[in-house]
Amino acid sequence: MTEKKKAVFIDRDGTLIEEVNYLHRVEELRFFDYTDEAVKTLKTNGFLVFIATNQSGIARNVYTEADMHSVHEAIQDQLTEKIDAFYFCPHLPNAGCSCRL
């Protein structure tokens, strides 16, 4: 039998980090004062931590998927405990995709 694990899915913008319209530059990345401690607490208590985020700026050609991955790498670099995975939707809100959150 497979061991069950606790997991939490957290929105990225406005929850884990400060909201920046179409964040795609690492220099604009700003964490909330509580972010590192909150992720650490979840991990210490046995939770897998996943980030889920809508990134329509990719479909709008405001930034590239590589830009978004650079931001995610910077998030990983700055947190004491690492995020287990990032999930994203690159589509427009009205695209009718199945990945839109």
PDB file of N, CA and C in Angstrom:
ATOM      1  N   MET A   1       0.837  -1.180   0.000  1.00  0.00           N
ATOM      2  CA  MET A   1       0.000   0.000   0.000  1.00  0.00           C
ATOM      3  C   MET A   1       0.879   1.239   0.000  1.00  0.00           C
ATOM      4  N   THR A   2       0.516   2.210  -0.793  1.00  0.00           N
ATOM      5  CA  THR A   2       1.268   3.450  -0.903  1.00  0.00           C
ATOM      6  C   THR A   2       1.005   4.334   0.311  1.00  0.00           C
ATOM      7  N   GLU A   3       2.075   4.916   0.824  1.00  0.00           N
ATOM      8  CA  GLU A   3       1.947   5.824   1.964  1.00  0.00           C
ATOM      9  C   GLU A   3       1.287   7.122   1.516  1.00  0.00           C
ATOM     10  N   LYS A   4       0.279   7.535   2.270  1.00  0.00           N
ATOM     11  CA  LYS A   4      -0.384   8.805   1.967  1.00  0.00           C
ATOM     12  C   LYS A   4       0.442   9.938   2.555  1.00  0.00           C
ATOM     13  N   LYS A   5       0.496  11.042   1.815  1.00  0.00           N
ATOM     14  CA  LYS A   5       1.226  12.215   2.279  1.00  0.00           C
ATOM     15  C   LYS A   5       0.298  13.420   2.280  1.00  0.00           C
ATOM     16  N   LYS A   6       0.537  14.295   3.215  1.00  0.00           N
ATOM     17  CA  LYS A   6      -0.218  15.541   3.272  1.00  0.00           C
ATOM     18  C   LYS A   6       0.392  16.511   2.266  1.00  0.00           C
ATOM     19  N   ALA A   7      -0.462  17.305   1.643  1.00  0.00           N
ATOM     20  CA  ALA A   7       0.025  18.274   0.666  1.00  0.00           C
ATOM     21  C   ALA A   7      -0.796  19.544   0.753  1.00  0.00           C
ATOM     22  N   VAL A   8      -0.142  20.635   0.381  1.00  0.00           N
ATOM     23  CA  VAL A   8      -0.815  21.920   0.306  1.00  0.00           C
ATOM     24  C   VAL A   8      -0.441  22.552  -1.028  1.00  0.00           C
ATOM     25  N   PHE A   9      -1.440  23.139  -1.685  1.00  0.00           N
ATOM     26  CA  PHE A   9      -1.228  23.854  -2.941  1.00  0.00           C
ATOM     27  C   PHE A   9      -1.426  25.334  -2.642  1.00  0.00           C
ATOM     28  N   ILE A  10      -0.423  26.138  -2.957  1.00  0.00           N
ATOM     29  CA  ILE A  10      -0.438  27.561  -2.627  1.00  0.00           C
ATOM     30  C   ILE A  10      -0.347  28.373  -3.911  1.00  0.00           C
ATOM     31  N   ASP A  11      -1.180  29.393  -4.020  1.00  0.00           N
ATOM     32  CA  ASP A  11      -1.062  30.325  -5.135  1.00  0.00           C
ATOM     33  C   ASP A  11       0.238  31.098  -4.955  1.00  0.00           C
ATOM     34  N   ARG A  12       0.859  31.451  -6.037  1.00  0.00           N
ATOM     35  CA  ARG A  12       2.149  32.141  -5.982  1.00  0.00           C
ATOM     36  C   ARG A  12       1.995  33.632  -5.704  1.00  0.00           C
ATOM     37  N   ASP A  13       1.331  34.339  -6.613  1.00  0.00           N
ATOM     38  CA  ASP A  13       1.267  35.800  -6.574  1.00  0.00           C
ATOM     39  C   ASP A  13       0.219  36.291  -5.575  1.00  0.00           C
ATOM     40  N   GLY A  14       0.682  37.112  -4.645  1.00  0.00           N
ATOM     41  CA  GLY A  14      -0.210  37.660  -3.643  1.00  0.00           C
ATOM     42  C   GLY A  14      -0.385  36.754  -2.437  1.00  0.00           C
ATOM     43  N   THR A  15       0.202  35.568  -2.477  1.00  0.00           N
ATOM     44  CA  THR A  15       0.111  34.628  -1.358  1.00  0.00           C
ATOM     45  C   THR A  15       1.501  34.276  -0.857  1.00  0.00           C
ATOM     46  N   LEU A  16       2.333  33.771  -1.743  1.00  0.00           N
ATOM     47  CA  LEU A  16       3.714  33.418  -1.397  1.00  0.00           C
ATOM     48  C   LEU A  16       4.636  34.616  -1.584  1.00  0.00           C
ATOM     49  N   ILE A  17       4.357  35.379  -2.631  1.00  0.00           N
ATOM     50  CA  ILE A  17       5.160  36.569  -2.933  1.00  0.00           C
ATOM     51  C   ILE A  17       4.226  37.741  -3.209  1.00  0.00           C
ATOM     52  N   GLU A  18       4.780  38.934  -3.174  1.00  0.00           N
ATOM     53  CA  GLU A  18       3.978  40.130  -3.444  1.00  0.00           C
ATOM     54  C   GLU A  18       3.507  40.134  -4.891  1.00  0.00           C
ATOM     55  N   GLU A  19       2.299  40.628  -5.094  1.00  0.00           N
ATOM     56  CA  GLU A  19       1.720  40.725  -6.433  1.00  0.00           C
ATOM     57  C   GLU A  19       2.465  41.775  -7.249  1.00  0.00           C
ATOM     58  N   VAL A  20       2.949  41.364  -8.407  1.00  0.00           N
ATOM     59  CA  VAL A  20       3.570  42.260  -9.377  1.00  0.00           C
ATOM     60  C   VAL A  20       2.953  41.888 -10.713  1.00  0.00           C
ATOM     61  N   ASN A  21       2.300  42.823 -11.360  1.00  0.00           N
ATOM     62  CA  ASN A  21       1.669  42.509 -12.640  1.00  0.00           C
ATOM     63  C   ASN A  21       2.683  41.926 -13.606  1.00  0.00           C
ATOM     64  N   TYR A  22       2.408  40.715 -14.075  1.00  0.00           N
ATOM     65  CA  TYR A  22       3.248  40.022 -15.050  1.00  0.00           C
ATOM     66  C   TYR A  22       4.703  39.910 -14.587  1.00  0.00           C
ATOM     67  N   LEU A  23       4.867  39.438 -13.359  1.00  0.00           N
ATOM     68  CA  LEU A  23       6.212  39.245 -12.814  1.00  0.00           C
ATOM     69  C   LEU A  23       7.018  38.321 -13.719  1.00  0.00           C
ATOM     70  N   HIS A  24       8.134  38.824 -14.207  1.00  0.00           N
ATOM     71  CA  HIS A  24       9.010  37.999 -15.030  1.00  0.00           C
ATOM     72  C   HIS A  24      10.486  38.356 -14.852  1.00  0.00           C
ATOM     73  N   ARG A  25      10.744  39.333 -14.026  1.00  0.00           N
ATOM     74  CA  ARG A  25      12.127  39.725 -13.746  1.00  0.00           C
ATOM     75  C   ARG A  25      12.443  39.398 -12.295  1.00  0.00           C
ATOM     76  N   VAL A  26      13.485  38.641 -12.078  1.00  0.00           N
ATOM     77  CA  VAL A  26      13.872  38.226 -10.730  1.00  0.00           C
ATOM     78  C   VAL A  26      14.065  39.441  -9.828  1.00  0.00           C
ATOM     79  N   GLU A  27      14.526  40.545 -10.405  1.00  0.00           N
ATOM     80  CA  GLU A  27      14.762  41.759  -9.605  1.00  0.00           C
ATOM     81  C   GLU A  27      13.475  42.306  -8.978  1.00  0.00           C
ATOM     82  N   GLU A  28      12.338  41.956  -9.523  1.00  0.00           N
ATOM     83  CA  GLU A  28      11.052  42.436  -8.998  1.00  0.00           C
ATOM     84  C   GLU A  28      10.424  41.478  -7.993  1.00  0.00           C
ATOM     85  N   LEU A  29      11.060  40.347  -7.734  1.00  0.00           N
ATOM     86  CA  LEU A  29      10.558  39.340  -6.810  1.00  0.00           C
ATOM     87  C   LEU A  29      10.660  39.853  -5.379  1.00  0.00           C
ATOM     88  N   ARG A  30       9.532  39.865  -4.667  1.00  0.00           N
ATOM     89  CA  ARG A  30       9.488  40.315  -3.276  1.00  0.00           C
ATOM     90  C   ARG A  30       8.687  39.319  -2.456  1.00  0.00           C
ATOM     91  N   PHE A  31       9.324  38.789  -1.423  1.00  0.00           N
ATOM     92  CA  PHE A  31       8.641  37.862  -0.523  1.00  0.00           C
ATOM     93  C   PHE A  31       7.933  38.630   0.582  1.00  0.00           C
ATOM     94  N   PHE A  32       6.876  38.045   1.097  1.00  0.00           N
ATOM     95  CA  PHE A  32       6.262  38.573   2.308  1.00  0.00           C
ATOM     96  C   PHE A  32       7.168  38.212   3.478  1.00  0.00           C
ATOM     97  N   ASP A  33       7.084  38.966   4.565  1.00  0.00           N
ATOM     98  CA  ASP A  33       7.925  38.702   5.743  1.00  0.00           C
ATOM     99  C   ASP A  33       7.727  37.293   6.293  1.00  0.00           C
ATOM    100  N   TYR A  34       6.542  36.746   6.144  1.00  0.00           N
ATOM    101  CA  TYR A  34       6.199  35.446   6.723  1.00  0.00           C
ATOM    102  C   TYR A  34       6.459  34.257   5.793  1.00  0.00           C
ATOM    103  N   THR A  35       6.787  34.489   4.544  1.00  0.00           N
ATOM    104  CA  THR A  35       6.828  33.409   3.560  1.00  0.00           C
ATOM    105  C   THR A  35       7.780  32.278   3.949  1.00  0.00           C
ATOM    106  N   ASP A  36       9.014  32.594   4.246  1.00  0.00           N
ATOM    107  CA  ASP A  36       9.991  31.552   4.550  1.00  0.00           C
ATOM    108  C   ASP A  36       9.554  30.729   5.755  1.00  0.00           C
ATOM    109  N   GLU A  37       9.113  31.384   6.810  1.00  0.00           N
ATOM    110  CA  GLU A  37       8.691  30.685   8.024  1.00  0.00           C
ATOM    111  C   GLU A  37       7.450  29.836   7.780  1.00  0.00           C
ATOM    112  N   ALA A  38       6.528  30.323   6.976  1.00  0.00           N
ATOM    113  CA  ALA A  38       5.310  29.561   6.681  1.00  0.00           C
ATOM    114  C   ALA A  38       5.639  28.284   5.914  1.00  0.00           C
ATOM    115  N   VAL A  39       6.480  28.390   4.900  1.00  0.00           N
ATOM    116  CA  VAL A  39       6.868  27.194   4.124  1.00  0.00           C
ATOM    117  C   VAL A  39       7.641  26.227   5.016  1.00  0.00           C
ATOM    118  N   LYS A  40       8.518  26.753   5.841  1.00  0.00           N
ATOM    119  CA  LYS A  40       9.293  25.913   6.746  1.00  0.00           C
ATOM    120  C   LYS A  40       8.368  25.168   7.714  1.00  0.00           C
ATOM    121  N   THR A  41       7.363  25.846   8.241  1.00  0.00           N
ATOM    122  CA  THR A  41       6.413  25.229   9.170  1.00  0.00           C
ATOM    123  C   THR A  41       5.638  24.103   8.485  1.00  0.00           C
ATOM    124  N   LEU A  42       5.177  24.350   7.272  1.00  0.00           N
ATOM    125  CA  LEU A  42       4.461  23.313   6.536  1.00  0.00           C
ATOM    126  C   LEU A  42       5.351  22.091   6.313  1.00  0.00           C
ATOM    127  N   LYS A  43       6.580  22.301   5.863  1.00  0.00           N
ATOM    128  CA  LYS A  43       7.496  21.203   5.592  1.00  0.00           C
ATOM    129  C   LYS A  43       7.836  20.439   6.876  1.00  0.00           C
ATOM    130  N   THR A  44       8.068  21.162   7.969  1.00  0.00           N
ATOM    131  CA  THR A  44       8.384  20.539   9.256  1.00  0.00           C
ATOM    132  C   THR A  44       7.244  19.644   9.731  1.00  0.00           C
ATOM    133  N   ASN A  45       6.017  20.021   9.371  1.00  0.00           N
ATOM    134  CA  ASN A  45       4.843  19.253   9.776  1.00  0.00           C
ATOM    135  C   ASN A  45       4.442  18.195   8.745  1.00  0.00           C
ATOM    136  N   GLY A  46       5.348  17.883   7.839  1.00  0.00           N
ATOM    137  CA  GLY A  46       5.162  16.760   6.947  1.00  0.00           C
ATOM    138  C   GLY A  46       4.381  17.023   5.675  1.00  0.00           C
ATOM    139  N   PHE A  47       4.160  18.278   5.335  1.00  0.00           N
ATOM    140  CA  PHE A  47       3.423  18.603   4.122  1.00  0.00           C
ATOM    141  C   PHE A  47       4.345  18.686   2.912  1.00  0.00           C
ATOM    142  N   LEU A  48       3.875  18.191   1.794  1.00  0.00           N
ATOM    143  CA  LEU A  48       4.473  18.521   0.514  1.00  0.00           C
ATOM    144  C   LEU A  48       3.922  19.890   0.149  1.00  0.00           C
ATOM    145  N   VAL A  49       4.759  20.750  -0.397  1.00  0.00           N
ATOM    146  CA  VAL A  49       4.327  22.113  -0.730  1.00  0.00           C
ATOM    147  C   VAL A  49       4.442  22.320  -2.234  1.00  0.00           C
ATOM    148  N   PHE A  50       3.287  22.600  -2.844  1.00  0.00           N
ATOM    149  CA  PHE A  50       3.211  22.829  -4.282  1.00  0.00           C
ATOM    150  C   PHE A  50       2.734  24.244  -4.539  1.00  0.00           C
ATOM    151  N   ILE A  51       3.287  24.868  -5.552  1.00  0.00           N
ATOM    152  CA  ILE A  51       2.850  26.192  -5.991  1.00  0.00           C
ATOM    153  C   ILE A  51       2.030  26.016  -7.260  1.00  0.00           C
ATOM    154  N   ALA A  52       0.868  26.638  -7.303  1.00  0.00           N
ATOM    155  CA  ALA A  52      -0.001  26.632  -8.480  1.00  0.00           C
ATOM    156  C   ALA A  52      -0.209  28.086  -8.896  1.00  0.00           C
ATOM    157  N   THR A  53      -0.023  28.370 -10.183  1.00  0.00           N
ATOM    158  CA  THR A  53      -0.077  29.762 -10.615  1.00  0.00           C
ATOM    159  C   THR A  53      -0.549  29.895 -12.059  1.00  0.00           C
ATOM    160  N   ASN A  54      -1.379  30.881 -12.292  1.00  0.00           N
ATOM    161  CA  ASN A  54      -1.787  31.243 -13.646  1.00  0.00           C
ATOM    162  C   ASN A  54      -0.779  32.252 -14.177  1.00  0.00           C
ATOM    163  N   GLN A  55      -0.259  32.017 -15.370  1.00  0.00           N
ATOM    164  CA  GLN A  55       0.754  32.885 -15.954  1.00  0.00           C
ATOM    165  C   GLN A  55       0.373  33.233 -17.387  1.00  0.00           C
ATOM    166  N   SER A  56      -0.719  33.978 -17.537  1.00  0.00           N
ATOM    167  CA  SER A  56      -1.203  34.345 -18.872  1.00  0.00           C
ATOM    168  C   SER A  56      -0.263  35.305 -19.590  1.00  0.00           C
ATOM    169  N   GLY A  57       0.682  35.893 -18.891  1.00  0.00           N
ATOM    170  CA  GLY A  57       1.679  36.750 -19.535  1.00  0.00           C
ATOM    171  C   GLY A  57       2.471  36.010 -20.593  1.00  0.00           C
ATOM    172  N   ILE A  58       2.564  34.688 -20.456  1.00  0.00           N
ATOM    173  CA  ILE A  58       3.253  33.882 -21.467  1.00  0.00           C
ATOM    174  C   ILE A  58       2.440  33.903 -22.759  1.00  0.00           C
ATOM    175  N   ALA A  59       1.141  33.632 -22.668  1.00  0.00           N
ATOM    176  CA  ALA A  59       0.274  33.643 -23.859  1.00  0.00           C
ATOM    177  C   ALA A  59       0.147  35.044 -24.450  1.00  0.00           C
ATOM    178  N   ARG A  60       0.277  36.058 -23.620  1.00  0.00           N
ATOM    179  CA  ARG A  60       0.171  37.449 -24.079  1.00  0.00           C
ATOM    180  C   ARG A  60       1.489  37.959 -24.673  1.00  0.00           C
ATOM    181  N   ASN A  61       2.521  37.116 -24.645  1.00  0.00           N
ATOM    182  CA  ASN A  61       3.856  37.483 -25.129  1.00  0.00           C
ATOM    183  C   ASN A  61       4.477  38.645 -24.367  1.00  0.00           C
ATOM    184  N   VAL A  62       4.113  38.763 -23.092  1.00  0.00           N
ATOM    185  CA  VAL A  62       4.730  39.765 -22.215  1.00  0.00           C
ATOM    186  C   VAL A  62       6.088  39.246 -21.736  1.00  0.00           C
ATOM    187  N   TYR A  63       6.165  37.939 -21.512  1.00  0.00           N
ATOM    188  CA  TYR A  63       7.407  37.289 -21.099  1.00  0.00           C
ATOM    189  C   TYR A  63       7.377  35.842 -21.575  1.00  0.00           C
ATOM    190  N   THR A  64       8.494  35.175 -21.427  1.00  0.00           N
ATOM    191  CA  THR A  64       8.614  33.801 -21.904  1.00  0.00           C
ATOM    192  C   THR A  64       8.458  32.807 -20.752  1.00  0.00           C
ATOM    193  N   GLU A  65       8.260  31.565 -21.116  1.00  0.00           N
ATOM    194  CA  GLU A  65       8.212  30.513 -20.108  1.00  0.00           C
ATOM    195  C   GLU A  65       9.553  30.429 -19.375  1.00  0.00           C
ATOM    196  N   ALA A  66      10.639  30.666 -20.079  1.00  0.00           N
ATOM    197  CA  ALA A  66      11.968  30.661 -19.455  1.00  0.00           C
ATOM    198  C   ALA A  66      12.079  31.750 -18.389  1.00  0.00           C
ATOM    199  N   ASP A  67      11.482  32.935 -18.657  1.00  0.00           N
ATOM    200  CA  ASP A  67      11.469  34.010 -17.655  1.00  0.00           C
ATOM    201  C   ASP A  67      10.766  33.544 -16.382  1.00  0.00           C
ATOM    202  N   MET A  68       9.613  32.889 -16.564  1.00  0.00           N
ATOM    203  CA  MET A  68       8.858  32.399 -15.417  1.00  0.00           C
ATOM    204  C   MET A  68       9.669  31.375 -14.632  1.00  0.00           C
ATOM    205  N   HIS A  69      10.337  30.460 -15.350  1.00  0.00           N
ATOM    206  CA  HIS A  69      11.160  29.457 -14.669  1.00  0.00           C
ATOM    207  C   HIS A  69      12.308  30.113 -13.898  1.00  0.00           C
ATOM    208  N   SER A  70      12.837  31.206 -14.402  1.00  0.00           N
ATOM    209  CA  SER A  70      13.889  31.940 -13.675  1.00  0.00           C
ATOM    210  C   SER A  70      13.359  32.479 -12.356  1.00  0.00           C
ATOM    211  N   VAL A  71      12.135  32.976 -12.368  1.00  0.00           N
ATOM    212  CA  VAL A  71      11.511  33.457 -11.123  1.00  0.00           C
ATOM    213  C   VAL A  71      11.332  32.289 -10.160  1.00  0.00           C
ATOM    214  N   HIS A  72      10.875  31.152 -10.659  1.00  0.00           N
ATOM    215  CA  HIS A  72      10.684  29.983  -9.795  1.00  0.00           C
ATOM    216  C   HIS A  72      12.013  29.498  -9.219  1.00  0.00           C
ATOM    217  N   GLU A  73      13.053  29.528 -10.006  1.00  0.00           N
ATOM    218  CA  GLU A  73      14.381  29.161  -9.498  1.00  0.00           C
ATOM    219  C   GLU A  73      14.827  30.120  -8.404  1.00  0.00           C
ATOM    220  N   ALA A  74      14.552  31.395  -8.566  1.00  0.00           N
ATOM    221  CA  ALA A  74      14.915  32.386  -7.548  1.00  0.00           C
ATOM    222  C   ALA A  74      14.119  32.150  -6.261  1.00  0.00           C
ATOM    223  N   ILE A  75      12.859  31.778  -6.405  1.00  0.00           N
ATOM    224  CA  ILE A  75      12.053  31.450  -5.224  1.00  0.00           C
ATOM    225  C   ILE A  75      12.700  30.282  -4.484  1.00  0.00           C
ATOM    226  N   GLN A  76      13.062  29.237  -5.210  1.00  0.00           N
ATOM    227  CA  GLN A  76      13.712  28.077  -4.585  1.00  0.00           C
ATOM    228  C   GLN A  76      15.021  28.469  -3.898  1.00  0.00           C
ATOM    229  N   ASP A  77      15.797  29.306  -4.554  1.00  0.00           N
ATOM    230  CA  ASP A  77      17.090  29.720  -4.008  1.00  0.00           C
ATOM    231  C   ASP A  77      16.952  30.498  -2.702  1.00  0.00           C
ATOM    232  N   GLN A  78      15.877  31.255  -2.566  1.00  0.00           N
ATOM    233  CA  GLN A  78      15.740  32.144  -1.418  1.00  0.00           C
ATOM    234  C   GLN A  78      15.003  31.529  -0.233  1.00  0.00           C
ATOM    235  N   LEU A  79      14.324  30.420  -0.452  1.00  0.00           N
ATOM    236  CA  LEU A  79      13.610  29.773   0.652  1.00  0.00           C
ATOM    237  C   LEU A  79      14.503  28.753   1.344  1.00  0.00           C
ATOM    238  N   THR A  80      14.387  28.676   2.665  1.00  0.00           N
ATOM    239  CA  THR A  80      15.157  27.708   3.444  1.00  0.00           C
ATOM    240  C   THR A  80      14.734  26.288   3.081  1.00  0.00           C
ATOM    241  N   GLU A  81      13.437  26.036   3.074  1.00  0.00           N
ATOM    242  CA  GLU A  81      12.887  24.748   2.671  1.00  0.00           C
ATOM    243  C   GLU A  81      12.391  24.889   1.239  1.00  0.00           C
ATOM    244  N   LYS A  82      12.600  23.898   0.440  1.00  0.00           N
ATOM    245  CA  LYS A  82      12.290  23.992  -0.986  1.00  0.00           C
ATOM    246  C   LYS A  82      10.848  23.618  -1.292  1.00  0.00           C
ATOM    247  N   ILE A  83      10.310  24.250  -2.318  1.00  0.00           N
ATOM    248  CA  ILE A  83       9.003  23.915  -2.849  1.00  0.00           C
ATOM    249  C   ILE A  83       9.140  22.566  -3.564  1.00  0.00           C
ATOM    250  N   ASP A  84       8.159  21.694  -3.394  1.00  0.00           N
ATOM    251  CA  ASP A  84       8.241  20.368  -4.012  1.00  0.00           C
ATOM    252  C   ASP A  84       8.017  20.411  -5.515  1.00  0.00           C
ATOM    253  N   ALA A  85       7.142  21.299  -5.974  1.00  0.00           N
ATOM    254  CA  ALA A  85       6.916  21.430  -7.420  1.00  0.00           C
ATOM    255  C   ALA A  85       6.128  22.700  -7.693  1.00  0.00           C
ATOM    256  N   PHE A  86       6.323  23.217  -8.894  1.00  0.00           N
ATOM    257  CA  PHE A  86       5.564  24.363  -9.392  1.00  0.00           C
ATOM    258  C   PHE A  86       4.678  23.882 -10.534  1.00  0.00           C
ATOM    259  N   TYR A  87       3.419  24.273 -10.509  1.00  0.00           N
ATOM    260  CA  TYR A  87       2.489  23.980 -11.596  1.00  0.00           C
ATOM    261  C   TYR A  87       1.964  25.303 -12.115  1.00  0.00           C
ATOM    262  N   PHE A  88       1.875  25.432 -13.444  1.00  0.00           N
ATOM    263  CA  PHE A  88       1.447  26.707 -14.000  1.00  0.00           C
ATOM    264  C   PHE A  88       0.569  26.510 -15.220  1.00  0.00           C
ATOM    265  N   CYS A  89      -0.268  27.489 -15.463  1.00  0.00           N
ATOM    266  CA  CYS A  89      -1.071  27.550 -16.673  1.00  0.00           C
ATOM    267  C   CYS A  89      -0.582  28.756 -17.461  1.00  0.00           C
ATOM    268  N   PRO A  90      -0.108  28.558 -18.699  1.00  0.00           N
ATOM    269  CA  PRO A  90       0.401  29.662 -19.497  1.00  0.00           C
ATOM    270  C   PRO A  90      -0.652  30.290 -20.416  1.00  0.00           C
ATOM    271  N   HIS A  91      -1.898  29.848 -20.298  1.00  0.00           N
ATOM    272  CA  HIS A  91      -2.931  30.243 -21.254  1.00  0.00           C
ATOM    273  C   HIS A  91      -3.701  31.494 -20.829  1.00  0.00           C
ATOM    274  N   LEU A  92      -4.408  32.067 -21.782  1.00  0.00           N
ATOM    275  CA  LEU A  92      -5.296  33.194 -21.498  1.00  0.00           C
ATOM    276  C   LEU A  92      -6.488  32.707 -20.679  1.00  0.00           C
ATOM    277  N   PRO A  93      -7.090  33.594 -19.880  1.00  0.00           N
ATOM    278  CA  PRO A  93      -8.221  33.189 -19.037  1.00  0.00           C
ATOM    279  C   PRO A  93      -9.381  32.564 -19.815  1.00  0.00           C
ATOM    280  N   ASN A  94      -9.617  33.006 -21.030  1.00  0.00           N
ATOM    281  CA  ASN A  94     -10.758  32.505 -21.803  1.00  0.00           C
ATOM    282  C   ASN A  94     -10.362  31.417 -22.813  1.00  0.00           C
ATOM    283  N   ALA A  95      -9.195  30.824 -22.645  1.00  0.00           N
ATOM    284  CA  ALA A  95      -8.703  29.839 -23.609  1.00  0.00           C
ATOM    285  C   ALA A  95      -9.439  28.495 -23.527  1.00  0.00           C
ATOM    286  N   GLY A  96     -10.125  28.271 -22.426  1.00  0.00           N
ATOM    287  CA  GLY A  96     -10.847  27.005 -22.273  1.00  0.00           C
ATOM    288  C   GLY A  96      -9.951  25.819 -21.988  1.00  0.00           C
ATOM    289  N   CYS A  97      -8.758  26.060 -21.511  1.00  0.00           N
ATOM    290  CA  CYS A  97      -7.833  24.967 -21.206  1.00  0.00           C
ATOM    291  C   CYS A  97      -8.265  24.248 -19.920  1.00  0.00           C
ATOM    292  N   SER A  98      -7.725  23.071 -19.730  1.00  0.00           N
ATOM    293  CA  SER A  98      -8.050  22.315 -18.521  1.00  0.00           C
ATOM    294  C   SER A  98      -7.066  22.573 -17.387  1.00  0.00           C
ATOM    295  N   CYS A  99      -6.045  23.369 -17.631  1.00  0.00           N
ATOM    296  CA  CYS A  99      -5.049  23.615 -16.582  1.00  0.00           C
ATOM    297  C   CYS A  99      -5.269  24.942 -15.852  1.00  0.00           C
ATOM    298  N   ARG A 100      -6.183  25.766 -16.330  1.00  0.00           N
ATOM    299  CA  ARG A 100      -6.432  27.067 -15.701  1.00  0.00           C
ATOM    300  C   ARG A 100      -6.946  26.863 -14.286  1.00  0.00           C
ATOM    301  N   LEU A 101      -6.366  27.579 -13.356  1.00  0.00           N
ATOM    302  CA  LEU A 101      -6.734  27.461 -11.940  1.00  0.00           C
ATOM    303  C   LEU A 101      -7.776  28.486 -11.556  1.00  0.00           C
TER     304      LEU A 101
END
